[in-house]
Amino acid sequence: MTDLDLSYRFDLGLKVSVGAINLFDSHPEKLKGAQLYGVPKYSITSPEGAQGAFYYTSVSYDF
């Protein structure tokens, strides 16, 4: 699993960040058995989690 966070701080106290958690969208092995009616396809206790990748941006200002 790969996480990434890139930030750039401007001189005026402004900081812009972009990043990803589970950058390459890896998933654990699929669960065996029924996968209908809200039963997850993947184990929720694995390091990758059942949700896959999460991408984000952030802007902050320090004054």
PDB file of N, CA and C in Angstrom:
ATOM      1  N   MET A   1       0.848  -1.162   0.000  1.00  0.00           N
ATOM      2  CA  MET A   1       0.000   0.000   0.000  1.00  0.00           C
ATOM      3  C   MET A   1       0.900   1.235   0.000  1.00  0.00           C
ATOM      4  N   THR A   2       0.561   2.212  -0.809  1.00  0.00           N
ATOM      5  CA  THR A   2       1.366   3.419  -0.947  1.00  0.00           C
ATOM      6  C   THR A   2       0.515   4.645  -0.642  1.00  0.00           C
ATOM      7  N   ASP A   3       1.017   5.499   0.260  1.00  0.00           N
ATOM      8  CA  ASP A   3       0.386   6.785   0.554  1.00  0.00           C
ATOM      9  C   ASP A   3       1.296   7.888   0.039  1.00  0.00           C
ATOM     10  N   LEU A   4       0.710   9.010  -0.355  1.00  0.00           N
ATOM     11  CA  LEU A   4       1.491  10.115  -0.907  1.00  0.00           C
ATOM     12  C   LEU A   4       0.871  11.427  -0.460  1.00  0.00           C
ATOM     13  N   ASP A   5       1.718  12.380  -0.060  1.00  0.00           N
ATOM     14  CA  ASP A   5       1.253  13.722   0.290  1.00  0.00           C
ATOM     15  C   ASP A   5       2.292  14.716  -0.213  1.00  0.00           C
ATOM     16  N   LEU A   6       1.862  15.617  -1.078  1.00  0.00           N
ATOM     17  CA  LEU A   6       2.739  16.660  -1.612  1.00  0.00           C
ATOM     18  C   LEU A   6       2.192  18.014  -1.179  1.00  0.00           C
ATOM     19  N   SER A   7       3.065  18.866  -0.662  1.00  0.00           N
ATOM     20  CA  SER A   7       2.642  20.189  -0.184  1.00  0.00           C
ATOM     21  C   SER A   7       3.573  21.250  -0.715  1.00  0.00           C
ATOM     22  N   TYR A   8       3.014  22.444  -0.905  1.00  0.00           N
ATOM     23  CA  TYR A   8       3.812  23.601  -1.281  1.00  0.00           C
ATOM     24  C   TYR A   8       3.381  24.761  -0.400  1.00  0.00           C
ATOM     25  N   ARG A   9       4.349  25.377   0.263  1.00  0.00           N
ATOM     26  CA  ARG A   9       4.068  26.507   1.140  1.00  0.00           C
ATOM     27  C   ARG A   9       4.501  27.795   0.434  1.00  0.00           C
ATOM     28  N   PHE A  10       3.558  28.700   0.254  1.00  0.00           N
ATOM     29  CA  PHE A  10       3.833  30.005  -0.337  1.00  0.00           C
ATOM     30  C   PHE A  10       4.372  30.939   0.737  1.00  0.00           C
ATOM     31  N   ASP A  11       4.991  32.046   0.346  1.00  0.00           N
ATOM     32  CA  ASP A  11       5.575  32.998   1.297  1.00  0.00           C
ATOM     33  C   ASP A  11       4.535  33.687   2.176  1.00  0.00           C
ATOM     34  N   LEU A  12       3.307  33.758   1.754  1.00  0.00           N
ATOM     35  CA  LEU A  12       2.281  34.500   2.488  1.00  0.00           C
ATOM     36  C   LEU A  12       1.564  33.672   3.553  1.00  0.00           C
ATOM     37  N   GLY A  13       2.052  32.478   3.857  1.00  0.00           N
ATOM     38  CA  GLY A  13       1.424  31.635   4.865  1.00  0.00           C
ATOM     39  C   GLY A  13       0.414  30.661   4.281  1.00  0.00           C
ATOM     40  N   LEU A  14       0.269  30.659   2.984  1.00  0.00           N
ATOM     41  CA  LEU A  14      -0.671  29.773   2.313  1.00  0.00           C
ATOM     42  C   LEU A  14       0.013  28.449   1.993  1.00  0.00           C
ATOM     43  N   LYS A  15      -0.669  27.341   2.265  1.00  0.00           N
ATOM     44  CA  LYS A  15      -0.122  26.011   1.992  1.00  0.00           C
ATOM     45  C   LYS A  15      -1.166  25.209   1.219  1.00  0.00           C
ATOM     46  N   VAL A  16      -0.749  24.603   0.117  1.00  0.00           N
ATOM     47  CA  VAL A  16      -1.616  23.777  -0.710  1.00  0.00           C
ATOM     48  C   VAL A  16      -1.052  22.361  -0.715  1.00  0.00           C
ATOM     49  N   SER A  17      -1.913  21.380  -0.473  1.00  0.00           N
ATOM     50  CA  SER A  17      -1.496  19.974  -0.436  1.00  0.00           C
ATOM     51  C   SER A  17      -2.414  19.141  -1.312  1.00  0.00           C
ATOM     52  N   VAL A  18      -1.845  18.125  -1.921  1.00  0.00           N
ATOM     53  CA  VAL A  18      -2.612  17.101  -2.624  1.00  0.00           C
ATOM     54  C   VAL A  18      -2.045  15.755  -2.186  1.00  0.00           C
ATOM     55  N   GLY A  19      -2.892  14.753  -2.139  1.00  0.00           N
ATOM     56  CA  GLY A  19      -2.384  13.472  -1.690  1.00  0.00           C
ATOM     57  C   GLY A  19      -3.328  12.329  -1.960  1.00  0.00           C
ATOM     58  N   ALA A  20      -2.864  11.161  -1.593  1.00  0.00           N
ATOM     59  CA  ALA A  20      -3.649   9.939  -1.771  1.00  0.00           C
ATOM     60  C   ALA A  20      -3.310   8.948  -0.671  1.00  0.00           C
ATOM     61  N   ILE A  21      -4.310   8.231  -0.233  1.00  0.00           N
ATOM     62  CA  ILE A  21      -4.147   7.107   0.664  1.00  0.00           C
ATOM     63  C   ILE A  21      -4.504   5.872  -0.164  1.00  0.00           C
ATOM     64  N   ASN A  22      -3.605   4.888  -0.196  1.00  0.00           N
ATOM     65  CA  ASN A  22      -3.750   3.717  -1.061  1.00  0.00           C
ATOM     66  C   ASN A  22      -3.736   4.173  -2.522  1.00  0.00           C
ATOM     67  N   LEU A  23      -2.681   4.842  -2.900  1.00  0.00           N
ATOM     68  CA  LEU A  23      -2.523   5.498  -4.197  1.00  0.00           C
ATOM     69  C   LEU A  23      -2.860   4.595  -5.383  1.00  0.00           C
ATOM     70  N   PHE A  24      -2.436   3.353  -5.363  1.00  0.00           N
ATOM     71  CA  PHE A  24      -2.621   2.465  -6.506  1.00  0.00           C
ATOM     72  C   PHE A  24      -3.890   1.620  -6.405  1.00  0.00           C
ATOM     73  N   ASP A  25      -4.782   1.979  -5.476  1.00  0.00           N
ATOM     74  CA  ASP A  25      -6.100   1.354  -5.328  1.00  0.00           C
ATOM     75  C   ASP A  25      -6.006  -0.163  -5.176  1.00  0.00           C
ATOM     76  N   SER A  26      -5.103  -0.634  -4.321  1.00  0.00           N
ATOM     77  CA  SER A  26      -4.988  -2.075  -4.093  1.00  0.00           C
ATOM     78  C   SER A  26      -6.101  -2.540  -3.158  1.00  0.00           C
ATOM     79  N   HIS A  27      -6.536  -3.770  -3.346  1.00  0.00           N
ATOM     80  CA  HIS A  27      -7.593  -4.358  -2.535  1.00  0.00           C
ATOM     81  C   HIS A  27      -7.105  -5.694  -1.976  1.00  0.00           C
ATOM     82  N   PRO A  28      -7.613  -6.116  -0.839  1.00  0.00           N
ATOM     83  CA  PRO A  28      -7.292  -7.450  -0.331  1.00  0.00           C
ATOM     84  C   PRO A  28      -8.018  -8.501  -1.173  1.00  0.00           C
ATOM     85  N   GLU A  29      -7.766  -9.762  -0.870  1.00  0.00           N
ATOM     86  CA  GLU A  29      -8.466 -10.832  -1.573  1.00  0.00           C
ATOM     87  C   GLU A  29      -9.969 -10.741  -1.285  1.00  0.00           C
ATOM     88  N   LYS A  30     -10.767 -11.096  -2.282  1.00  0.00           N
ATOM     89  CA  LYS A  30     -12.217 -11.058  -2.106  1.00  0.00           C
ATOM     90  C   LYS A  30     -12.654 -12.121  -1.105  1.00  0.00           C
ATOM     91  N   LEU A  31     -13.704 -11.786  -0.355  1.00  0.00           N
ATOM     92  CA  LEU A  31     -14.277 -12.739   0.595  1.00  0.00           C
ATOM     93  C   LEU A  31     -15.032 -13.824  -0.151  1.00  0.00           C
ATOM     94  N   LYS A  32     -15.031 -15.025   0.387  1.00  0.00           N
ATOM     95  CA  LYS A  32     -15.803 -16.112  -0.206  1.00  0.00           C
ATOM     96  C   LYS A  32     -17.208 -16.079   0.362  1.00  0.00           C
ATOM     97  N   GLY A  33     -18.157 -16.486  -0.408  1.00  0.00           N
ATOM     98  CA  GLY A  33     -19.534 -16.536   0.063  1.00  0.00           C
ATOM     99  C   GLY A  33     -20.378 -15.439  -0.564  1.00  0.00           C
ATOM    100  N   ALA A  34     -21.540 -15.240   0.001  1.00  0.00           N
ATOM    101  CA  ALA A  34     -22.504 -14.271  -0.544  1.00  0.00           C
ATOM    102  C   ALA A  34     -21.953 -12.856  -0.484  1.00  0.00           C
ATOM    103  N   GLN A  35     -22.226 -12.112  -1.528  1.00  0.00           N
ATOM    104  CA  GLN A  35     -21.797 -10.720  -1.597  1.00  0.00           C
ATOM    105  C   GLN A  35     -22.974  -9.820  -1.940  1.00  0.00           C
ATOM    106  N   LEU A  36     -24.130 -10.182  -1.478  1.00  0.00           N
ATOM    107  CA  LEU A  36     -25.335  -9.422  -1.767  1.00  0.00           C
ATOM    108  C   LEU A  36     -25.849  -8.734  -0.511  1.00  0.00           C
ATOM    109  N   TYR A  37     -26.696  -7.770  -0.691  1.00  0.00           N
ATOM    110  CA  TYR A  37     -27.416  -7.124   0.401  1.00  0.00           C
ATOM    111  C   TYR A  37     -26.501  -6.495   1.444  1.00  0.00           C
ATOM    112  N   GLY A  38     -25.490  -5.771   1.001  1.00  0.00           N
ATOM    113  CA  GLY A  38     -24.648  -5.012   1.904  1.00  0.00           C
ATOM    114  C   GLY A  38     -23.457  -5.752   2.483  1.00  0.00           C
ATOM    115  N   VAL A  39     -23.254  -6.999   2.136  1.00  0.00           N
ATOM    116  CA  VAL A  39     -22.097  -7.744   2.611  1.00  0.00           C
ATOM    117  C   VAL A  39     -20.888  -7.294   1.797  1.00  0.00           C
ATOM    118  N   PRO A  40     -19.814  -6.826   2.440  1.00  0.00           N
ATOM    119  CA  PRO A  40     -18.668  -6.312   1.682  1.00  0.00           C
ATOM    120  C   PRO A  40     -17.956  -7.404   0.894  1.00  0.00           C
ATOM    121  N   LYS A  41     -17.388  -7.008  -0.252  1.00  0.00           N
ATOM    122  CA  LYS A  41     -16.623  -7.942  -1.078  1.00  0.00           C
ATOM    123  C   LYS A  41     -15.248  -8.201  -0.490  1.00  0.00           C
ATOM    124  N   TYR A  42     -14.743  -7.263   0.323  1.00  0.00           N
ATOM    125  CA  TYR A  42     -13.391  -7.364   0.851  1.00  0.00           C
ATOM    126  C   TYR A  42     -13.420  -7.299   2.370  1.00  0.00           C
ATOM    127  N   SER A  43     -12.407  -7.863   2.998  1.00  0.00           N
ATOM    128  CA  SER A  43     -12.296  -7.820   4.446  1.00  0.00           C
ATOM    129  C   SER A  43     -12.062  -6.378   4.907  1.00  0.00           C
ATOM    130  N   ILE A  44     -12.768  -5.946   5.923  1.00  0.00           N
ATOM    131  CA  ILE A  44     -12.586  -4.579   6.433  1.00  0.00           C
ATOM    132  C   ILE A  44     -11.437  -4.492   7.429  1.00  0.00           C
ATOM    133  N   THR A  45     -10.835  -5.636   7.791  1.00  0.00           N
ATOM    134  CA  THR A  45      -9.725  -5.637   8.744  1.00  0.00           C
ATOM    135  C   THR A  45      -8.361  -5.703   8.078  1.00  0.00           C
ATOM    136  N   SER A  46      -8.297  -5.732   6.767  1.00  0.00           N
ATOM    137  CA  SER A  46      -7.018  -5.776   6.064  1.00  0.00           C
ATOM    138  C   SER A  46      -6.391  -4.385   6.042  1.00  0.00           C
ATOM    139  N   PRO A  47      -5.080  -4.283   5.863  1.00  0.00           N
ATOM    140  CA  PRO A  47      -4.429  -2.969   5.824  1.00  0.00           C
ATOM    141  C   PRO A  47      -4.959  -2.058   4.719  1.00  0.00           C
ATOM    142  N   GLU A  48      -5.335  -2.630   3.585  1.00  0.00           N
ATOM    143  CA  GLU A  48      -5.848  -1.817   2.484  1.00  0.00           C
ATOM    144  C   GLU A  48      -7.254  -1.309   2.753  1.00  0.00           C
ATOM    145  N   GLY A  49      -7.996  -2.024   3.565  1.00  0.00           N
ATOM    146  CA  GLY A  49      -9.376  -1.660   3.817  1.00  0.00           C
ATOM    147  C   GLY A  49     -10.262  -2.078   2.658  1.00  0.00           C
ATOM    148  N   ALA A  50     -11.547  -1.942   2.814  1.00  0.00           N
ATOM    149  CA  ALA A  50     -12.492  -2.374   1.788  1.00  0.00           C
ATOM    150  C   ALA A  50     -12.844  -1.267   0.808  1.00  0.00           C
ATOM    151  N   GLN A  51     -12.438  -0.042   1.077  1.00  0.00           N
ATOM    152  CA  GLN A  51     -12.898   1.081   0.273  1.00  0.00           C
ATOM    153  C   GLN A  51     -11.995   1.444  -0.900  1.00  0.00           C
ATOM    154  N   GLY A  52     -10.768   0.953  -0.928  1.00  0.00           N
ATOM    155  CA  GLY A  52      -9.863   1.293  -2.029  1.00  0.00           C
ATOM    156  C   GLY A  52      -9.181   2.625  -1.807  1.00  0.00           C
ATOM    157  N   ALA A  53      -8.894   3.327  -2.890  1.00  0.00           N
ATOM    158  CA  ALA A  53      -8.114   4.565  -2.832  1.00  0.00           C
ATOM    159  C   ALA A  53      -8.937   5.750  -2.327  1.00  0.00           C
ATOM    160  N   PHE A  54      -8.246   6.708  -1.724  1.00  0.00           N
ATOM    161  CA  PHE A  54      -8.847   7.959  -1.272  1.00  0.00           C
ATOM    162  C   PHE A  54      -7.908   9.082  -1.681  1.00  0.00           C
ATOM    163  N   TYR A  55      -8.410  10.039  -2.476  1.00  0.00           N
ATOM    164  CA  TYR A  55      -7.615  11.167  -2.959  1.00  0.00           C
ATOM    165  C   TYR A  55      -8.151  12.450  -2.338  1.00  0.00           C
ATOM    166  N   TYR A  56      -7.244  13.403  -2.057  1.00  0.00           N
ATOM    167  CA  TYR A  56      -7.692  14.618  -1.397  1.00  0.00           C
ATOM    168  C   TYR A  56      -6.837  15.827  -1.791  1.00  0.00           C
ATOM    169  N   THR A  57      -7.381  16.984  -1.549  1.00  0.00           N
ATOM    170  CA  THR A  57      -6.658  18.253  -1.658  1.00  0.00           C
ATOM    171  C   THR A  57      -6.923  19.041  -0.384  1.00  0.00           C
ATOM    172  N   SER A  58      -6.005  19.914  -0.052  1.00  0.00           N
ATOM    173  CA  SER A  58      -6.153  20.712   1.167  1.00  0.00           C
ATOM    174  C   SER A  58      -5.495  22.072   0.954  1.00  0.00           C
ATOM    175  N   VAL A  59      -6.127  23.094   1.471  1.00  0.00           N
ATOM    176  CA  VAL A  59      -5.580  24.451   1.461  1.00  0.00           C
ATOM    177  C   VAL A  59      -5.642  24.961   2.891  1.00  0.00           C
ATOM    178  N   SER A  60      -4.517  25.501   3.377  1.00  0.00           N
ATOM    179  CA  SER A  60      -4.505  26.072   4.728  1.00  0.00           C
ATOM    180  C   SER A  60      -3.771  27.407   4.694  1.00  0.00           C
ATOM    181  N   TYR A  61      -4.087  28.221   5.692  1.00  0.00           N
ATOM    182  CA  TYR A  61      -3.466  29.536   5.794  1.00  0.00           C
ATOM    183  C   TYR A  61      -3.072  29.775   7.242  1.00  0.00           C
ATOM    184  N   ASP A  62      -1.823  30.095   7.483  1.00  0.00           N
ATOM    185  CA  ASP A  62      -1.323  30.435   8.822  1.00  0.00           C
ATOM    186  C   ASP A  62      -1.146  31.938   8.925  1.00  0.00           C
ATOM    187  N   PHE A  63      -1.745  32.533   9.951  1.00  0.00           N
ATOM    188  CA  PHE A  63      -1.591  33.983  10.157  1.00  0.00           C
ATOM    189  C   PHE A  63      -1.236  34.277  11.572  1.00  0.00           C
TER     190      PHE A  63
END
